[in-house]
N, C-alpha and C. Protein backbone atom coordinates (compact mmCIF):
# COMPACT_ATOMS: atom_id res chain seq x y z
N MET A 1 0.85 -1.29 -0.09
CA MET A 1 0.13 -0.09 0.21
C MET A 1 0.95 1.22 -0.12
N ILE A 2 0.49 2.03 -0.74
CA ILE A 2 1.20 3.51 -0.69
C ILE A 2 0.15 4.43 -0.14
N GLN A 3 0.86 5.30 0.95
CA GLN A 3 0.22 6.36 1.47
C GLN A 3 1.31 7.60 1.39
N MET A 4 0.60 8.81 1.58
CA MET A 4 1.40 10.06 1.76
C MET A 4 1.63 10.46 3.13
N LYS A 5 2.69 11.32 3.19
CA LYS A 5 2.73 12.14 4.51
C LYS A 5 3.67 13.23 4.38
N ARG A 6 3.59 14.43 4.99
CA ARG A 6 4.63 15.42 4.94
C ARG A 6 5.56 15.30 5.51
N VAL A 7 6.81 15.91 5.49
CA VAL A 7 8.10 15.52 5.87
C VAL A 7 8.17 16.04 7.21
N TYR A 8 7.22 17.15 7.42
CA TYR A 8 7.49 17.58 8.72
C TYR A 8 6.60 17.08 9.79
N GLU A 9 5.83 16.00 9.52
CA GLU A 9 5.10 15.17 10.42
C GLU A 9 5.99 14.24 11.06
N GLU A 10 5.83 13.87 12.32
CA GLU A 10 6.73 12.81 13.13
C GLU A 10 6.55 11.42 11.95
N PRO A 11 7.85 10.80 11.92
CA PRO A 11 7.93 9.51 11.31
C PRO A 11 7.21 8.73 12.38
N SER A 12 6.80 7.44 12.06
CA SER A 12 6.28 6.33 12.55
C SER A 12 6.61 5.12 12.17
N LYS A 13 6.62 3.78 12.76
CA LYS A 13 7.09 2.71 12.27
C LYS A 13 5.92 2.19 11.34
N GLU A 14 4.66 2.75 11.31
CA GLU A 14 3.54 2.55 10.42
C GLU A 14 3.86 3.07 9.00
N ASP A 15 4.94 4.08 8.70
CA ASP A 15 5.14 4.51 7.69
C ASP A 15 5.78 3.18 6.62
N GLY A 16 6.30 2.22 7.37
CA GLY A 16 6.97 1.39 6.35
C GLY A 16 8.21 1.80 5.80
N ARG A 17 8.39 2.03 4.45
CA ARG A 17 9.60 2.39 3.59
C ARG A 17 9.39 4.03 3.13
N ARG A 18 9.78 4.91 3.75
CA ARG A 18 9.98 6.16 3.65
C ARG A 18 10.67 6.77 2.55
N VAL A 19 9.56 7.38 1.38
CA VAL A 19 10.55 7.76 0.20
C VAL A 19 10.15 9.17 -0.16
N LEU A 20 11.49 10.17 -0.07
CA LEU A 20 11.04 11.39 -0.08
C LEU A 20 10.95 11.58 -1.73
N VAL A 21 10.03 12.31 -2.31
CA VAL A 21 9.58 12.19 -3.90
C VAL A 21 9.75 13.57 -4.14
N ASP A 22 10.41 14.43 -3.38
CA ASP A 22 10.56 15.82 -3.84
C ASP A 22 12.12 16.08 -4.57
N ARG A 23 12.21 16.76 -5.42
CA ARG A 23 13.38 17.38 -6.51
C ARG A 23 14.26 18.18 -5.36
N VAL A 24 13.94 18.73 -4.48
CA VAL A 24 14.38 19.76 -3.68
C VAL A 24 14.39 19.21 -2.31
N TRP A 25 15.49 19.23 -1.61
CA TRP A 25 15.59 18.84 -0.10
C TRP A 25 14.53 19.82 0.57
N PRO A 26 13.72 19.42 1.73
CA PRO A 26 12.86 19.99 2.56
C PRO A 26 13.47 21.05 3.21
N ARG A 27 13.20 22.19 3.30
CA ARG A 27 13.67 23.62 4.21
C ARG A 27 13.48 22.96 5.74
N GLY A 28 14.60 23.20 6.37
CA GLY A 28 14.52 22.98 7.72
C GLY A 28 14.46 21.72 8.27
N VAL A 29 14.67 20.65 7.59
CA VAL A 29 14.64 19.16 7.84
C VAL A 29 16.09 18.80 7.77
N SER A 30 16.46 18.09 9.07
CA SER A 30 17.65 17.44 8.76
C SER A 30 17.42 15.96 8.27
N LYS A 31 18.67 15.26 7.90
CA LYS A 31 18.33 14.16 7.18
C LYS A 31 17.96 13.09 8.47
N GLU A 32 18.63 13.20 9.61
CA GLU A 32 18.46 12.53 10.81
C GLU A 32 16.79 12.56 11.14
N LYS A 33 16.20 13.86 11.17
CA LYS A 33 14.75 14.02 11.52
C LYS A 33 13.96 13.35 10.35
N ALA A 34 14.26 13.17 9.21
CA ALA A 34 13.56 13.03 7.91
C ALA A 34 13.43 11.56 8.02
N GLN A 35 14.40 10.93 8.36
CA GLN A 35 14.27 9.05 8.56
C GLN A 35 13.89 8.63 7.59
N LEU A 36 14.46 8.89 6.08
CA LEU A 36 14.24 8.62 4.85
C LEU A 36 14.79 7.32 4.65
N ASP A 37 14.40 6.31 4.00
CA ASP A 37 14.96 5.18 3.42
C ASP A 37 15.21 5.49 1.79
N GLU A 38 14.72 6.41 1.20
CA GLU A 38 15.11 6.45 -0.15
C GLU A 38 14.88 8.10 -0.54
N TRP A 39 15.53 8.57 -1.49
CA TRP A 39 15.45 9.67 -1.94
C TRP A 39 15.21 9.61 -3.55
N MET A 40 13.86 9.84 -3.99
CA MET A 40 13.97 9.56 -5.44
C MET A 40 13.53 11.02 -6.27
N LYS A 41 14.64 11.60 -6.24
CA LYS A 41 14.09 13.11 -7.29
C LYS A 41 13.79 12.84 -8.32
N GLU A 42 14.11 11.73 -9.01
CA GLU A 42 14.09 11.58 -10.69
C GLU A 42 12.29 11.25 -10.65
N VAL A 43 11.72 10.95 -9.95
CA VAL A 43 10.30 10.83 -9.97
C VAL A 43 9.51 11.78 -9.78
N ALA A 44 10.02 13.33 -9.49
CA ALA A 44 9.47 14.46 -9.10
C ALA A 44 9.14 15.09 -10.41
N PRO A 45 8.41 15.99 -10.61
CA PRO A 45 8.06 16.80 -11.75
C PRO A 45 9.23 17.55 -12.12
N SER A 46 9.16 17.92 -13.45
CA SER A 46 10.61 18.48 -13.93
C SER A 46 10.49 19.91 -13.24
N PRO A 47 11.44 20.54 -13.17
CA PRO A 47 11.88 21.85 -12.57
C PRO A 47 10.92 23.07 -13.30
N ASP A 48 10.70 22.77 -14.79
CA ASP A 48 9.63 23.81 -15.25
C ASP A 48 8.41 23.67 -14.98
N LEU A 49 8.02 22.60 -15.04
CA LEU A 49 6.50 22.27 -14.47
C LEU A 49 6.18 22.71 -13.17
N ARG A 50 7.44 22.12 -12.28
CA ARG A 50 6.90 22.48 -10.85
C ARG A 50 6.96 24.04 -10.74
N LYS A 51 7.59 24.80 -11.41
CA LYS A 51 7.81 26.00 -11.23
C LYS A 51 6.53 26.94 -11.75
N TRP A 52 6.07 26.23 -12.96
CA TRP A 52 4.64 27.05 -13.63
C TRP A 52 3.50 26.58 -12.76
N PHE A 53 3.51 25.27 -12.13
CA PHE A 53 2.40 24.95 -11.21
C PHE A 53 2.29 25.89 -10.12
N GLY A 54 3.54 26.14 -9.31
CA GLY A 54 3.59 27.14 -8.23
C GLY A 54 2.56 26.97 -7.06
N HIS A 55 2.02 25.43 -6.91
CA HIS A 55 1.06 25.11 -5.80
C HIS A 55 -0.25 26.07 -6.03
N LYS A 56 -0.54 26.44 -7.06
CA LYS A 56 -1.75 26.88 -7.56
C LYS A 56 -3.12 26.10 -7.87
N PRO A 57 -3.84 25.96 -6.90
CA PRO A 57 -4.94 24.93 -7.08
C PRO A 57 -5.87 25.03 -8.23
N GLU A 58 -5.91 26.12 -8.87
CA GLU A 58 -6.57 26.56 -10.21
C GLU A 58 -5.81 25.84 -11.44
N ARG A 59 -4.63 25.69 -11.23
CA ARG A 59 -3.64 25.06 -12.10
C ARG A 59 -3.66 23.49 -11.93
N PHE A 60 -4.13 23.07 -11.05
CA PHE A 60 -3.89 21.57 -10.62
C PHE A 60 -4.11 20.46 -11.95
N GLU A 61 -5.39 20.77 -12.26
CA GLU A 61 -5.63 19.64 -13.42
C GLU A 61 -4.82 19.74 -14.50
N ALA A 62 -4.35 21.01 -15.00
CA ALA A 62 -3.58 21.00 -15.97
C ALA A 62 -2.17 20.64 -15.56
N PHE A 63 -1.73 20.87 -14.43
CA PHE A 63 -0.41 20.29 -13.79
C PHE A 63 -0.52 18.49 -14.01
N LYS A 64 -1.56 17.92 -13.45
CA LYS A 64 -1.92 16.46 -13.26
C LYS A 64 -1.80 16.03 -14.66
N GLU A 65 -2.40 16.61 -15.97
CA GLU A 65 -2.06 16.15 -17.31
C GLU A 65 -0.84 16.19 -17.37
N SER A 66 0.00 17.24 -17.50
CA SER A 66 1.37 17.45 -17.66
C SER A 66 2.49 16.34 -17.01
N TYR A 67 2.05 16.10 -15.70
CA TYR A 67 2.95 15.32 -14.84
C TYR A 67 2.77 14.08 -15.26
N GLU A 68 1.46 13.54 -15.50
CA GLU A 68 1.23 12.07 -15.63
C GLU A 68 1.85 12.07 -17.03
N LYS A 69 2.19 12.90 -18.05
CA LYS A 69 2.59 12.62 -19.56
C LYS A 69 4.29 12.42 -19.20
N GLU A 70 4.64 13.10 -18.33
CA GLU A 70 6.11 13.14 -17.74
C GLU A 70 6.37 11.81 -17.10
N LEU A 71 5.40 11.15 -16.53
CA LEU A 71 5.68 9.89 -15.89
C LEU A 71 5.54 8.96 -16.94
N GLU A 72 4.83 9.05 -17.99
CA GLU A 72 4.61 8.04 -18.80
C GLU A 72 5.73 8.05 -19.74
N GLU A 73 6.21 9.17 -20.38
CA GLU A 73 7.21 9.44 -21.33
C GLU A 73 8.67 9.26 -20.89
N SER A 74 9.08 9.33 -19.73
CA SER A 74 10.37 9.18 -19.13
C SER A 74 10.84 7.69 -18.59
N ALA A 75 11.79 7.37 -19.30
CA ALA A 75 12.32 5.90 -18.59
C ALA A 75 12.80 5.87 -17.24
N GLU A 76 13.26 7.12 -17.01
CA GLU A 76 14.03 7.30 -15.47
C GLU A 76 12.65 7.23 -14.59
N ARG A 77 11.56 8.02 -14.82
CA ARG A 77 10.46 8.18 -14.06
C ARG A 77 9.66 6.83 -14.11
N GLN A 78 9.67 5.86 -15.23
CA GLN A 78 9.13 4.68 -15.32
C GLN A 78 9.68 3.82 -14.39
N ASP A 79 10.96 3.75 -14.40
CA ASP A 79 11.89 2.92 -13.50
C ASP A 79 11.59 3.10 -11.98
N ALA A 80 11.40 4.36 -11.83
CA ALA A 80 11.00 4.75 -10.28
C ALA A 80 9.91 4.20 -9.79
N VAL A 81 8.84 4.63 -11.00
CA VAL A 81 7.50 4.28 -10.70
C VAL A 81 7.39 2.53 -10.30
N ALA A 82 8.25 1.79 -10.87
CA ALA A 82 8.08 0.19 -11.15
C ALA A 82 8.76 0.03 -9.75
N LYS A 83 9.76 0.69 -9.17
CA LYS A 83 10.39 0.32 -7.96
C LYS A 83 9.41 0.63 -6.69
N LEU A 84 8.60 1.72 -6.80
CA LEU A 84 7.54 2.15 -5.81
C LEU A 84 6.57 0.88 -5.80
N ARG A 85 6.10 0.40 -7.21
CA ARG A 85 5.16 -0.60 -7.16
C ARG A 85 5.48 -2.25 -6.39
N ASP A 86 6.94 -2.12 -6.82
CA ASP A 86 7.45 -3.30 -6.27
C ASP A 86 7.57 -3.43 -4.72
N TRP A 87 8.01 -2.27 -4.30
CA TRP A 87 7.94 -1.80 -2.81
C TRP A 87 6.87 -2.13 -2.15
N SER A 88 5.68 -1.29 -2.73
CA SER A 88 4.53 -1.50 -2.18
C SER A 88 4.00 -3.06 -2.21
N GLU A 89 4.38 -3.62 -3.15
CA GLU A 89 3.97 -5.09 -2.90
C GLU A 89 4.45 -5.90 -1.90
N GLU A 90 5.65 -5.33 -1.38
CA GLU A 90 6.21 -6.11 0.05
C GLU A 90 5.84 -5.45 1.18
N GLY A 91 5.29 -4.23 1.17
CA GLY A 91 4.79 -3.90 2.33
C GLY A 91 4.50 -2.31 2.03
N GLN A 92 4.14 -1.58 3.19
CA GLN A 92 4.00 -0.08 3.26
C GLN A 92 5.16 0.68 2.79
N VAL A 93 4.69 1.65 1.96
CA VAL A 93 5.52 2.55 1.37
C VAL A 93 4.85 3.99 1.49
N THR A 94 5.53 4.98 2.23
CA THR A 94 4.79 6.46 2.54
C THR A 94 5.83 7.22 1.45
N LEU A 95 5.12 7.89 0.60
CA LEU A 95 5.65 8.92 0.09
C LEU A 95 5.80 10.45 0.75
N ILE A 96 6.82 10.64 0.81
CA ILE A 96 7.28 11.78 1.69
C ILE A 96 7.36 13.44 0.91
N TYR A 97 6.82 14.22 1.31
CA TYR A 97 6.87 15.47 0.65
C TYR A 97 6.70 16.56 1.55
N ALA A 98 6.95 17.88 0.82
CA ALA A 98 7.12 18.98 2.01
C ALA A 98 5.92 19.95 1.43
N ALA A 99 5.21 19.99 0.16
CA ALA A 99 4.06 20.86 0.20
C ALA A 99 3.34 20.98 1.15
N LYS A 100 2.63 22.43 1.32
CA LYS A 100 1.73 22.80 2.52
C LYS A 100 0.18 22.19 2.05
N ASP A 101 -0.01 22.12 0.69
CA ASP A 101 -1.42 21.78 0.45
C ASP A 101 -1.42 20.33 0.03
N GLU A 102 -2.25 19.70 0.98
CA GLU A 102 -2.33 18.12 0.69
C GLU A 102 -2.95 17.57 -0.27
N GLU A 103 -3.93 18.42 -0.90
CA GLU A 103 -4.76 17.87 -2.04
C GLU A 103 -4.17 18.34 -3.38
N HIS A 104 -3.63 19.43 -3.48
CA HIS A 104 -2.92 19.72 -4.93
C HIS A 104 -1.50 19.84 -4.92
N ASN A 105 -0.95 18.66 -4.98
CA ASN A 105 0.42 18.63 -5.18
C ASN A 105 0.81 17.36 -5.91
N HIS A 106 2.02 17.27 -6.32
CA HIS A 106 2.94 16.18 -7.21
C HIS A 106 2.44 14.70 -6.46
N VAL A 107 2.57 14.61 -5.17
CA VAL A 107 2.54 13.36 -4.69
C VAL A 107 1.19 12.73 -4.82
N VAL A 108 -0.03 13.56 -4.67
CA VAL A 108 -1.28 12.93 -4.98
C VAL A 108 -1.35 12.27 -6.44
N VAL A 109 -0.68 12.92 -7.53
CA VAL A 109 -0.71 12.46 -8.81
C VAL A 109 0.05 11.33 -8.56
N LEU A 110 1.16 11.37 -8.37
CA LEU A 110 2.17 10.05 -8.18
C LEU A 110 1.72 8.89 -7.35
N ARG A 111 0.98 8.86 -6.38
CA ARG A 111 0.45 8.14 -5.68
C ARG A 111 -0.83 7.25 -6.61
N ASP A 112 -1.60 8.23 -7.06
CA ASP A 112 -2.82 7.72 -8.05
C ASP A 112 -2.30 7.03 -9.15
N PHE A 113 -0.95 7.50 -9.75
CA PHE A 113 -0.59 7.11 -10.84
C PHE A 113 0.24 5.61 -10.82
N VAL A 114 0.78 5.72 -9.64
CA VAL A 114 1.47 4.27 -9.21
C VAL A 114 0.21 3.15 -9.06
N ASN A 115 -1.03 3.77 -8.13
CA ASN A 115 -1.94 2.69 -7.63
C ASN A 115 -2.81 2.51 -9.08
N ASP A 116 -2.98 3.40 -9.97
CA ASP A 116 -3.75 3.10 -11.09
C ASP A 116 -3.47 2.23 -12.04
N ASN A 117 -2.02 2.30 -12.17
CA ASN A 117 -1.35 1.63 -13.23
C ASN A 117 -0.60 0.48 -12.96
N GLU A 118 -0.95 -0.23 -12.20
CA GLU A 118 -0.45 -1.53 -11.48
C GLU A 118 -0.78 -2.54 -12.55
């Protein structure tokens, strides 16, 4: 199973494998505090797409379509998605992210993409 959690929330053993899926390291968080198992920068949206989106909810649907296209067309991102699927078959996987908006962010799209394309 794949779930999501902000990096600023306390880690717990129920998180299972903790995977940071942001391209940029979260501000103000040490590696010790984050307690990550992996950092998969390559699965994050491209810098241009991330900057265009700017976490503006009104752009989310267009962002989602563009990000899904990036996930489908990039071999590197496809490899990362395959790893996430494999890990989720073995146990709990928690996608870690820094965005404040818990509904309009790339991790929502990534989680659904991994789950829907199994």
